[in-house]
């Protein structure tokens, strides 16, 4: 996961990262993964960087219910899941 995040950041131009406008403790994040271990690991990494409001969903269908109740600043999703996969979730959002 850490390698994937670092690789992603390598593709972002520094001017696109207007992080001064964001405070990690104010972000509301949804983590969607059918693996409880993966959800917990991602939430722990996000917590380590100061994100306090983290909601977890087991799959795309579960996340749709959570999206109807609340707005999220960031959604982190796995692509391959049962029920509704990450691609279908992205298309829905």
PDB file of N, CA and C in Angstrom:
ATOM      1  N   UNK A   1       0.824  -1.183   0.000  1.00  0.00           N
ATOM      2  CA  UNK A   1       0.000   0.000   0.000  1.00  0.00           C
ATOM      3  C   UNK A   1       0.876   1.258   0.000  1.00  0.00           C
ATOM      4  N   UNK A   2       1.888   1.250   0.852  1.00  0.00           N
ATOM      5  CA  UNK A   2       2.771   2.410   0.929  1.00  0.00           C
ATOM      6  C   UNK A   2       3.450   2.642  -0.416  1.00  0.00           C
ATOM      7  N   UNK A   3       3.909   1.561  -1.053  1.00  0.00           N
ATOM      8  CA  UNK A   3       4.546   1.691  -2.359  1.00  0.00           C
ATOM      9  C   UNK A   3       3.566   2.251  -3.384  1.00  0.00           C
ATOM     10  N   UNK A   4       2.313   1.803  -3.333  1.00  0.00           N
ATOM     11  CA  UNK A   4       1.298   2.302  -4.268  1.00  0.00           C
ATOM     12  C   UNK A   4       1.042   3.788  -4.047  1.00  0.00           C
ATOM     13  N   UNK A   5       0.966   4.215  -2.796  1.00  0.00           N
ATOM     14  CA  UNK A   5       0.749   5.636  -2.508  1.00  0.00           C
ATOM     15  C   UNK A   5       1.924   6.478  -2.986  1.00  0.00           C
ATOM     16  N   UNK A   6       3.126   6.003  -2.726  1.00  0.00           N
ATOM     17  CA  UNK A   6       4.311   6.756  -3.166  1.00  0.00           C
ATOM     18  C   UNK A   6       4.378   6.837  -4.690  1.00  0.00           C
ATOM     19  N   UNK A   7       4.058   5.742  -5.358  1.00  0.00           N
ATOM     20  CA  UNK A   7       4.069   5.731  -6.818  1.00  0.00           C
ATOM     21  C   UNK A   7       3.035   6.706  -7.355  1.00  0.00           C
ATOM     22  N   UNK A   8       1.862   6.723  -6.760  1.00  0.00           N
ATOM     23  CA  UNK A   8       0.815   7.658  -7.180  1.00  0.00           C
ATOM     24  C   UNK A   8       1.276   9.096  -7.002  1.00  0.00           C
ATOM     25  N   UNK A   9       1.883   9.375  -5.884  1.00  0.00           N
ATOM     26  CA  UNK A   9       2.351  10.737  -5.623  1.00  0.00           C
ATOM     27  C   UNK A   9       3.420  11.170  -6.615  1.00  0.00           C
ATOM     28  N   UNK A  10       4.191  10.213  -7.143  1.00  0.00           N
ATOM     29  CA  UNK A  10       5.202  10.547  -8.147  1.00  0.00           C
ATOM     30  C   UNK A  10       4.583  11.124  -9.419  1.00  0.00           C
ATOM     31  N   UNK A  11       3.328  10.798  -9.688  1.00  0.00           N
ATOM     32  CA  UNK A  11       2.659  11.264 -10.902  1.00  0.00           C
ATOM     33  C   UNK A  11       1.943  12.600 -10.714  1.00  0.00           C
ATOM     34  N   UNK A  12       1.855  13.064  -9.502  1.00  0.00           N
ATOM     35  CA  UNK A  12       1.150  14.312  -9.223  1.00  0.00           C
ATOM     36  C   UNK A  12       2.137  15.464  -9.265  1.00  0.00           C
ATOM     37  N   UNK A  13       1.812  16.462 -10.049  1.00  0.00           N
ATOM     38  CA  UNK A  13       2.652  17.652 -10.131  1.00  0.00           C
ATOM     39  C   UNK A  13       2.547  18.405  -8.804  1.00  0.00           C
ATOM     40  N   UNK A  14       3.663  18.903  -8.274  1.00  0.00           N
ATOM     41  CA  UNK A  14       3.624  19.587  -6.973  1.00  0.00           C
ATOM     42  C   UNK A  14       2.599  20.716  -6.892  1.00  0.00           C
ATOM     43  N   UNK A  15       2.352  21.418  -7.991  1.00  0.00           N
ATOM     44  CA  UNK A  15       1.378  22.510  -7.951  1.00  0.00           C
ATOM     45  C   UNK A  15      -0.045  21.998  -7.783  1.00  0.00           C
ATOM     46  N   UNK A  16      -0.278  20.705  -8.106  1.00  0.00           N
ATOM     47  CA  UNK A  16      -1.601  20.121  -7.929  1.00  0.00           C
ATOM     48  C   UNK A  16      -1.866  19.774  -6.476  1.00  0.00           C
ATOM     49  N   UNK A  17      -0.835  19.716  -5.678  1.00  0.00           N
ATOM     50  CA  UNK A  17      -0.979  19.368  -4.269  1.00  0.00           C
ATOM     51  C   UNK A  17      -1.116  20.633  -3.432  1.00  0.00           C
ATOM     52  N   UNK A  18      -2.280  21.191  -3.418  1.00  0.00           N
ATOM     53  CA  UNK A  18      -2.538  22.392  -2.626  1.00  0.00           C
ATOM     54  C   UNK A  18      -2.918  21.966  -1.211  1.00  0.00           C
ATOM     55  N   UNK A  19      -2.011  21.248  -0.572  1.00  0.00           N
ATOM     56  CA  UNK A  19      -2.308  20.678   0.736  1.00  0.00           C
ATOM     57  C   UNK A  19      -2.453  21.732   1.826  1.00  0.00           C
ATOM     58  N   UNK A  20      -1.968  22.923   1.583  1.00  0.00           N
ATOM     59  CA  UNK A  20      -2.126  23.979   2.576  1.00  0.00           C
ATOM     60  C   UNK A  20      -3.600  24.300   2.790  1.00  0.00           C
ATOM     61  N   UNK A  21      -4.428  23.959   1.812  1.00  0.00           N
ATOM     62  CA  UNK A  21      -5.863  24.227   1.920  1.00  0.00           C
ATOM     63  C   UNK A  21      -6.622  23.130   2.658  1.00  0.00           C
ATOM     64  N   UNK A  22      -5.940  22.044   3.014  1.00  0.00           N
ATOM     65  CA  UNK A  22      -6.590  20.920   3.664  1.00  0.00           C
ATOM     66  C   UNK A  22      -5.945  20.631   5.006  1.00  0.00           C
ATOM     67  N   UNK A  23      -6.763  20.205   5.926  1.00  0.00           N
ATOM     68  CA  UNK A  23      -6.277  19.780   7.232  1.00  0.00           C
ATOM     69  C   UNK A  23      -6.712  18.338   7.414  1.00  0.00           C
ATOM     70  N   UNK A  24      -5.752  17.456   7.603  1.00  0.00           N
ATOM     71  CA  UNK A  24      -6.045  16.026   7.666  1.00  0.00           C
ATOM     72  C   UNK A  24      -7.118  15.713   8.697  1.00  0.00           C
ATOM     73  N   UNK A  25      -7.102  16.429   9.812  1.00  0.00           N
ATOM     74  CA  UNK A  25      -8.073  16.125  10.865  1.00  0.00           C
ATOM     75  C   UNK A  25      -9.490  16.561  10.507  1.00  0.00           C
ATOM     76  N   UNK A  26      -9.653  17.274   9.395  1.00  0.00           N
ATOM     77  CA  UNK A  26     -10.989  17.703   8.962  1.00  0.00           C
ATOM     78  C   UNK A  26     -11.525  16.865   7.803  1.00  0.00           C
ATOM     79  N   UNK A  27     -10.706  15.964   7.243  1.00  0.00           N
ATOM     80  CA  UNK A  27     -11.137  15.150   6.123  1.00  0.00           C
ATOM     81  C   UNK A  27     -12.056  14.024   6.583  1.00  0.00           C
ATOM     82  N   UNK A  28     -13.031  13.710   5.754  1.00  0.00           N
ATOM     83  CA  UNK A  28     -13.933  12.594   6.002  1.00  0.00           C
ATOM     84  C   UNK A  28     -13.682  11.572   4.900  1.00  0.00           C
ATOM     85  N   UNK A  29     -13.160  10.399   5.268  1.00  0.00           N
ATOM     86  CA  UNK A  29     -12.694   9.413   4.301  1.00  0.00           C
ATOM     87  C   UNK A  29     -13.514   8.125   4.400  1.00  0.00           C
ATOM     88  N   UNK A  30     -13.825   7.567   3.236  1.00  0.00           N
ATOM     89  CA  UNK A  30     -14.493   6.273   3.148  1.00  0.00           C
ATOM     90  C   UNK A  30     -13.498   5.265   2.577  1.00  0.00           C
ATOM     91  N   UNK A  31     -13.279   4.162   3.290  1.00  0.00           N
ATOM     92  CA  UNK A  31     -12.396   3.095   2.848  1.00  0.00           C
ATOM     93  C   UNK A  31     -13.259   1.891   2.490  1.00  0.00           C
ATOM     94  N   UNK A  32     -13.158   1.439   1.231  1.00  0.00           N
ATOM     95  CA  UNK A  32     -13.995   0.343   0.740  1.00  0.00           C
ATOM     96  C   UNK A  32     -13.090  -0.816   0.314  1.00  0.00           C
ATOM     97  N   UNK A  33     -13.224  -1.943   1.004  1.00  0.00           N
ATOM     98  CA  UNK A  33     -12.425  -3.127   0.677  1.00  0.00           C
ATOM     99  C   UNK A  33     -13.122  -4.333   1.294  1.00  0.00           C
ATOM    100  N   UNK A  34     -13.158  -5.461   0.570  1.00  0.00           N
ATOM    101  CA  UNK A  34     -13.827  -6.635   1.117  1.00  0.00           C
ATOM    102  C   UNK A  34     -12.958  -7.416   2.098  1.00  0.00           C
ATOM    103  N   UNK A  35     -11.724  -7.002   2.267  1.00  0.00           N
ATOM    104  CA  UNK A  35     -10.834  -7.610   3.248  1.00  0.00           C
ATOM    105  C   UNK A  35     -10.795  -6.739   4.502  1.00  0.00           C
ATOM    106  N   UNK A  36     -11.229  -7.321   5.632  1.00  0.00           N
ATOM    107  CA  UNK A  36     -11.217  -6.563   6.877  1.00  0.00           C
ATOM    108  C   UNK A  36      -9.788  -6.152   7.240  1.00  0.00           C
ATOM    109  N   UNK A  37      -8.823  -7.036   6.995  1.00  0.00           N
ATOM    110  CA  UNK A  37      -7.430  -6.704   7.307  1.00  0.00           C
ATOM    111  C   UNK A  37      -6.961  -5.512   6.480  1.00  0.00           C
ATOM    112  N   UNK A  38      -7.324  -5.487   5.198  1.00  0.00           N
ATOM    113  CA  UNK A  38      -6.930  -4.361   4.338  1.00  0.00           C
ATOM    114  C   UNK A  38      -7.606  -3.075   4.794  1.00  0.00           C
ATOM    115  N   UNK A  39      -8.908  -3.142   5.105  1.00  0.00           N
ATOM    116  CA  UNK A  39      -9.621  -1.940   5.595  1.00  0.00           C
ATOM    117  C   UNK A  39      -8.951  -1.395   6.843  1.00  0.00           C
ATOM    118  N   UNK A  40      -8.643  -2.291   7.769  1.00  0.00           N
ATOM    119  CA  UNK A  40      -8.026  -1.858   9.025  1.00  0.00           C
ATOM    120  C   UNK A  40      -6.629  -1.292   8.797  1.00  0.00           C
ATOM    121  N   UNK A  41      -5.869  -1.899   7.897  1.00  0.00           N
ATOM    122  CA  UNK A  41      -4.521  -1.394   7.612  1.00  0.00           C
ATOM    123  C   UNK A  41      -4.580  -0.002   6.980  1.00  0.00           C
ATOM    124  N   UNK A  42      -5.441   0.168   5.995  1.00  0.00           N
ATOM    125  CA  UNK A  42      -5.580   1.477   5.332  1.00  0.00           C
ATOM    126  C   UNK A  42      -6.033   2.524   6.342  1.00  0.00           C
ATOM    127  N   UNK A  43      -6.995   2.163   7.187  1.00  0.00           N
ATOM    128  CA  UNK A  43      -7.475   3.106   8.207  1.00  0.00           C
ATOM    129  C   UNK A  43      -6.359   3.471   9.182  1.00  0.00           C
ATOM    130  N   UNK A  44      -5.524   2.501   9.527  1.00  0.00           N
ATOM    131  CA  UNK A  44      -4.410   2.775  10.445  1.00  0.00           C
ATOM    132  C   UNK A  44      -3.406   3.730   9.797  1.00  0.00           C
ATOM    133  N   UNK A  45      -3.088   3.507   8.519  1.00  0.00           N
ATOM    134  CA  UNK A  45      -2.162   4.395   7.801  1.00  0.00           C
ATOM    135  C   UNK A  45      -2.748   5.802   7.725  1.00  0.00           C
ATOM    136  N   UNK A  46      -4.025   5.905   7.391  1.00  0.00           N
ATOM    137  CA  UNK A  46      -4.675   7.226   7.325  1.00  0.00           C
ATOM    138  C   UNK A  46      -4.680   7.895   8.688  1.00  0.00           C
ATOM    139  N   UNK A  47      -4.941   7.125   9.727  1.00  0.00           N
ATOM    140  CA  UNK A  47      -4.910   7.670  11.081  1.00  0.00           C
ATOM    141  C   UNK A  47      -3.533   8.176  11.457  1.00  0.00           C
ATOM    142  N   UNK A  48      -2.506   7.466  11.002  1.00  0.00           N
ATOM    143  CA  UNK A  48      -1.123   7.873  11.301  1.00  0.00           C
ATOM    144  C   UNK A  48      -0.758   9.207  10.666  1.00  0.00           C
ATOM    145  N   UNK A  49      -1.446   9.580   9.578  1.00  0.00           N
ATOM    146  CA  UNK A  49      -1.151  10.878   8.966  1.00  0.00           C
ATOM    147  C   UNK A  49      -2.120  11.962   9.443  1.00  0.00           C
ATOM    148  N   UNK A  50      -2.941  11.622  10.435  1.00  0.00           N
ATOM    149  CA  UNK A  50      -3.777  12.632  11.071  1.00  0.00           C
ATOM    150  C   UNK A  50      -5.237  12.636  10.676  1.00  0.00           C
ATOM    151  N   UNK A  51      -5.653  11.706   9.832  1.00  0.00           N
ATOM    152  CA  UNK A  51      -7.070  11.653   9.442  1.00  0.00           C
ATOM    153  C   UNK A  51      -7.838  10.948  10.546  1.00  0.00           C
ATOM    154  N   UNK A  52      -8.838  11.630  11.086  1.00  0.00           N
ATOM    155  CA  UNK A  52      -9.574  11.105  12.227  1.00  0.00           C
ATOM    156  C   UNK A  52     -10.927  10.509  11.846  1.00  0.00           C
ATOM    157  N   UNK A  53     -11.559  11.043  10.825  1.00  0.00           N
ATOM    158  CA  UNK A  53     -12.896  10.594  10.439  1.00  0.00           C
ATOM    159  C   UNK A  53     -12.794   9.594   9.288  1.00  0.00           C
ATOM    160  N   UNK A  54     -12.818   8.308   9.648  1.00  0.00           N
ATOM    161  CA  UNK A  54     -12.675   7.232   8.666  1.00  0.00           C
ATOM    162  C   UNK A  54     -13.855   6.286   8.810  1.00  0.00           C
ATOM    163  N   UNK A  55     -14.575   6.092   7.717  1.00  0.00           N
ATOM    164  CA  UNK A  55     -15.688   5.147   7.676  1.00  0.00           C
ATOM    165  C   UNK A  55     -15.266   3.984   6.794  1.00  0.00           C
ATOM    166  N   UNK A  56     -15.625   2.783   7.189  1.00  0.00           N
ATOM    167  CA  UNK A  56     -15.244   1.587   6.436  1.00  0.00           C
ATOM    168  C   UNK A  56     -16.486   0.932   5.834  1.00  0.00           C
ATOM    169  N   UNK A  57     -16.319   0.388   4.612  1.00  0.00           N
ATOM    170  CA  UNK A  57     -17.391  -0.343   3.944  1.00  0.00           C
ATOM    171  C   UNK A  57     -16.811  -1.633   3.371  1.00  0.00           C
ATOM    172  N   UNK A  58     -17.617  -2.711   3.395  1.00  0.00           N
ATOM    173  CA  UNK A  58     -17.152  -4.027   2.960  1.00  0.00           C
ATOM    174  C   UNK A  58     -17.144  -4.203   1.446  1.00  0.00           C
ATOM    175  N   UNK A  59     -17.959  -3.433   0.736  1.00  0.00           N
ATOM    176  CA  UNK A  59     -18.020  -3.549  -0.731  1.00  0.00           C
ATOM    177  C   UNK A  59     -18.750  -2.330  -1.280  1.00  0.00           C
ATOM    178  N   UNK A  60     -18.921  -2.300  -2.584  1.00  0.00           N
ATOM    179  CA  UNK A  60     -19.565  -1.160  -3.214  1.00  0.00           C
ATOM    180  C   UNK A  60     -20.989  -0.936  -2.743  1.00  0.00           C
ATOM    181  N   UNK A  61     -21.742  -2.027  -2.571  1.00  0.00           N
ATOM    182  CA  UNK A  61     -23.135  -1.883  -2.123  1.00  0.00           C
ATOM    183  C   UNK A  61     -23.207  -1.285  -0.726  1.00  0.00           C
ATOM    184  N   UNK A  62     -22.339  -1.752   0.153  1.00  0.00           N
ATOM    185  CA  UNK A  62     -22.275  -1.209   1.510  1.00  0.00           C
ATOM    186  C   UNK A  62     -21.894   0.271   1.475  1.00  0.00           C
ATOM    187  N   UNK A  63     -20.977   0.618   0.586  1.00  0.00           N
ATOM    188  CA  UNK A  63     -20.535   2.015   0.508  1.00  0.00           C
ATOM    189  C   UNK A  63     -21.628   2.929  -0.036  1.00  0.00           C
ATOM    190  N   UNK A  64     -22.473   2.425  -0.946  1.00  0.00           N
ATOM    191  CA  UNK A  64     -23.573   3.233  -1.482  1.00  0.00           C
ATOM    192  C   UNK A  64     -24.499   3.664  -0.351  1.00  0.00           C
ATOM    193  N   UNK A  65     -24.786   2.755   0.555  1.00  0.00           N
ATOM    194  CA  UNK A  65     -25.632   3.096   1.712  1.00  0.00           C
ATOM    195  C   UNK A  65     -24.977   4.185   2.556  1.00  0.00           C
ATOM    196  N   UNK A  66     -23.680   4.067   2.759  1.00  0.00           N
ATOM    197  CA  UNK A  66     -22.969   5.075   3.560  1.00  0.00           C
ATOM    198  C   UNK A  66     -22.896   6.414   2.831  1.00  0.00           C
ATOM    199  N   UNK A  67     -22.753   6.367   1.504  1.00  0.00           N
ATOM    200  CA  UNK A  67     -22.717   7.602   0.710  1.00  0.00           C
ATOM    201  C   UNK A  67     -24.055   8.335   0.740  1.00  0.00           C
ATOM    202  N   UNK A  68     -25.140   7.605   0.907  1.00  0.00           N
ATOM    203  CA  UNK A  68     -26.448   8.264   0.957  1.00  0.00           C
ATOM    204  C   UNK A  68     -26.658   8.979   2.290  1.00  0.00           C
ATOM    205  N   UNK A  69     -25.911   8.570   3.309  1.00  0.00           N
ATOM    206  CA  UNK A  69     -26.052   9.170   4.638  1.00  0.00           C
ATOM    207  C   UNK A  69     -25.081  10.310   4.898  1.00  0.00           C
ATOM    208  N   UNK A  70     -23.983  10.357   4.143  1.00  0.00           N
ATOM    209  CA  UNK A  70     -22.902  11.270   4.516  1.00  0.00           C
ATOM    210  C   UNK A  70     -22.049  11.614   3.298  1.00  0.00           C
ATOM    211  N   UNK A  71     -21.419  12.783   3.325  1.00  0.00           N
ATOM    212  CA  UNK A  71     -20.507  13.211   2.261  1.00  0.00           C
ATOM    213  C   UNK A  71     -19.080  12.873   2.668  1.00  0.00           C
ATOM    214  N   UNK A  72     -18.282  12.482   1.676  1.00  0.00           N
ATOM    215  CA  UNK A  72     -16.887  12.133   1.927  1.00  0.00           C
ATOM    216  C   UNK A  72     -15.985  12.994   1.060  1.00  0.00           C
ATOM    217  N   UNK A  73     -14.844  13.363   1.620  1.00  0.00           N
ATOM    218  CA  UNK A  73     -13.840  14.129   0.878  1.00  0.00           C
ATOM    219  C   UNK A  73     -12.976  13.219   0.027  1.00  0.00           C
ATOM    220  N   UNK A  74     -12.828  11.972   0.452  1.00  0.00           N
ATOM    221  CA  UNK A  74     -11.958  11.027  -0.230  1.00  0.00           C
ATOM    222  C   UNK A  74     -12.550   9.632  -0.089  1.00  0.00           C
ATOM    223  N   UNK A  75     -12.540   8.876  -1.199  1.00  0.00           N
ATOM    224  CA  UNK A  75     -12.960   7.474  -1.172  1.00  0.00           C
ATOM    225  C   UNK A  75     -11.785   6.645  -1.663  1.00  0.00           C
ATOM    226  N   UNK A  76     -11.386   5.681  -0.856  1.00  0.00           N
ATOM    227  CA  UNK A  76     -10.340   4.740  -1.241  1.00  0.00           C
ATOM    228  C   UNK A  76     -11.023   3.399  -1.418  1.00  0.00           C
ATOM    229  N   UNK A  77     -10.940   2.845  -2.621  1.00  0.00           N
ATOM    230  CA  UNK A  77     -11.645   1.601  -2.897  1.00  0.00           C
ATOM    231  C   UNK A  77     -10.763   0.574  -3.572  1.00  0.00           C
ATOM    232  N   UNK A  78     -11.033  -0.673  -3.248  1.00  0.00           N
ATOM    233  CA  UNK A  78     -10.431  -1.787  -3.966  1.00  0.00           C
ATOM    234  C   UNK A  78     -11.205  -1.958  -5.269  1.00  0.00           C
ATOM    235  N   UNK A  79     -10.574  -2.486  -6.279  1.00  0.00           N
ATOM    236  CA  UNK A  79     -11.241  -2.677  -7.554  1.00  0.00           C
ATOM    237  C   UNK A  79     -12.053  -3.968  -7.588  1.00  0.00           C
ATOM    238  N   UNK A  80     -11.483  -5.075  -7.127  1.00  0.00           N
ATOM    239  CA  UNK A  80     -12.140  -6.389  -7.222  1.00  0.00           C
ATOM    240  C   UNK A  80     -12.842  -6.748  -5.926  1.00  0.00           C
ATOM    241  N   UNK A  81     -14.178  -6.633  -5.927  1.00  0.00           N
ATOM    242  CA  UNK A  81     -14.987  -6.994  -4.764  1.00  0.00           C
ATOM    243  C   UNK A  81     -16.263  -7.676  -5.246  1.00  0.00           C
ATOM    244  N   UNK A  82     -16.879  -8.446  -4.351  1.00  0.00           N
ATOM    245  CA  UNK A  82     -18.146  -9.099  -4.667  1.00  0.00           C
ATOM    246  C   UNK A  82     -19.289  -8.107  -4.524  1.00  0.00           C
ATOM    247  N   UNK A  83     -20.400  -8.371  -5.175  1.00  0.00           N
ATOM    248  CA  UNK A  83     -21.578  -7.505  -5.081  1.00  0.00           C
ATOM    249  C   UNK A  83     -21.478  -6.347  -6.051  1.00  0.00           C
ATOM    250  N   UNK A  84     -20.806  -5.315  -5.648  1.00  0.00           N
ATOM    251  CA  UNK A  84     -20.522  -4.161  -6.505  1.00  0.00           C
ATOM    252  C   UNK A  84     -19.035  -3.891  -6.392  1.00  0.00           C
ATOM    253  N   UNK A  85     -18.327  -3.977  -7.506  1.00  0.00           N
ATOM    254  CA  UNK A  85     -16.879  -3.790  -7.447  1.00  0.00           C
ATOM    255  C   UNK A  85     -16.512  -2.305  -7.449  1.00  0.00           C
ATOM    256  N   UNK A  86     -15.225  -2.049  -7.331  1.00  0.00           N
ATOM    257  CA  UNK A  86     -14.739  -0.678  -7.259  1.00  0.00           C
ATOM    258  C   UNK A  86     -15.036   0.141  -8.501  1.00  0.00           C
ATOM    259  N   UNK A  87     -14.966  -0.480  -9.670  1.00  0.00           N
ATOM    260  CA  UNK A  87     -15.264   0.234 -10.916  1.00  0.00           C
ATOM    261  C   UNK A  87     -16.724   0.683 -10.949  1.00  0.00           C
ATOM    262  N   UNK A  88     -17.614  -0.199 -10.549  1.00  0.00           N
ATOM    263  CA  UNK A  88     -19.039   0.165 -10.507  1.00  0.00           C
ATOM    264  C   UNK A  88     -19.287   1.264  -9.472  1.00  0.00           C
ATOM    265  N   UNK A  89     -18.588   1.199  -8.362  1.00  0.00           N
ATOM    266  CA  UNK A  89     -18.702   2.246  -7.355  1.00  0.00           C
ATOM    267  C   UNK A  89     -18.247   3.590  -7.901  1.00  0.00           C
ATOM    268  N   UNK A  90     -17.105   3.594  -8.605  1.00  0.00           N
ATOM    269  CA  UNK A  90     -16.591   4.818  -9.197  1.00  0.00           C
ATOM    270  C   UNK A  90     -17.601   5.407 -10.181  1.00  0.00           C
ATOM    271  N   UNK A  91     -18.173   4.536 -11.015  1.00  0.00           N
ATOM    272  CA  UNK A  91     -19.173   4.996 -11.979  1.00  0.00           C
ATOM    273  C   UNK A  91     -20.405   5.562 -11.272  1.00  0.00           C
ATOM    274  N   UNK A  92     -20.795   4.948 -10.166  1.00  0.00           N
ATOM    275  CA  UNK A  92     -21.949   5.445  -9.406  1.00  0.00           C
ATOM    276  C   UNK A  92     -21.669   6.828  -8.824  1.00  0.00           C
ATOM    277  N   UNK A  93     -20.484   6.982  -8.259  1.00  0.00           N
ATOM    278  CA  UNK A  93     -20.113   8.258  -7.633  1.00  0.00           C
ATOM    279  C   UNK A  93     -19.995   9.307  -8.717  1.00  0.00           C
TER     280      UNK A  93
END
